[in-house]
């Protein structure tokens, strides 16, 4: 059925987008903590 295909593909696209944004958020979170540790060790 066409409507089922549209809903399933929409969920896949939204899930992929959320996973991508979550991955970027985790990377930025870890990177910001690394920079904080580096700046503390330099001081």
Protein backbone atom coordinates (compact mmCIF):
# COMPACT_ATOMS: atom_id res chain seq x y z
CA UNK A 1 0.00 0.00 0.00
CA UNK A 2 1.24 3.46 -0.91
CA UNK A 3 0.41 5.07 2.45
CA UNK A 4 2.28 2.39 4.37
CA UNK A 5 5.36 2.87 2.18
CA UNK A 6 5.26 6.64 2.73
CA UNK A 7 4.97 6.25 6.52
CA UNK A 8 7.76 3.68 6.70
CA UNK A 9 10.10 5.73 4.52
CA UNK A 10 9.30 8.83 6.59
CA UNK A 11 10.16 7.04 9.80
CA UNK A 12 13.43 5.82 8.28
CA UNK A 13 14.35 9.35 7.17
CA UNK A 14 13.47 10.87 10.55
CA UNK A 15 15.32 8.11 12.41
CA UNK A 16 18.40 8.56 10.24
CA UNK A 17 18.33 12.32 10.75
CA UNK A 18 18.02 11.96 14.53
CA UNK A 19 20.86 9.41 14.60
CA UNK A 20 23.05 11.76 12.53
CA UNK A 21 22.34 14.75 14.78
CA UNK A 22 22.88 12.63 17.89
CA UNK A 23 26.24 11.50 16.56
CA UNK A 24 27.29 15.09 15.88
CA UNK A 25 26.10 16.11 19.36
CA UNK A 26 28.11 13.33 21.01
CA UNK A 27 31.19 14.28 19.01
CA UNK A 28 30.90 17.96 20.00
CA UNK A 29 30.28 16.99 23.65
CA UNK A 30 33.37 14.79 23.79
CA UNK A 31 35.48 17.33 21.90
CA UNK A 32 34.51 20.15 24.25
CA UNK A 33 35.51 18.04 27.26
CA UNK A 34 38.86 17.22 25.66
CA UNK A 35 39.54 20.92 25.14
CA UNK A 36 38.62 21.69 28.77
CA UNK A 37 41.04 19.03 30.03
CA UNK A 38 43.81 20.33 27.75
CA UNK A 39 43.35 23.93 28.89
CA UNK A 40 43.41 22.87 32.56
CA UNK A 41 46.63 20.90 32.10
CA UNK A 42 48.29 23.85 30.32
CA UNK A 43 47.43 26.20 33.19
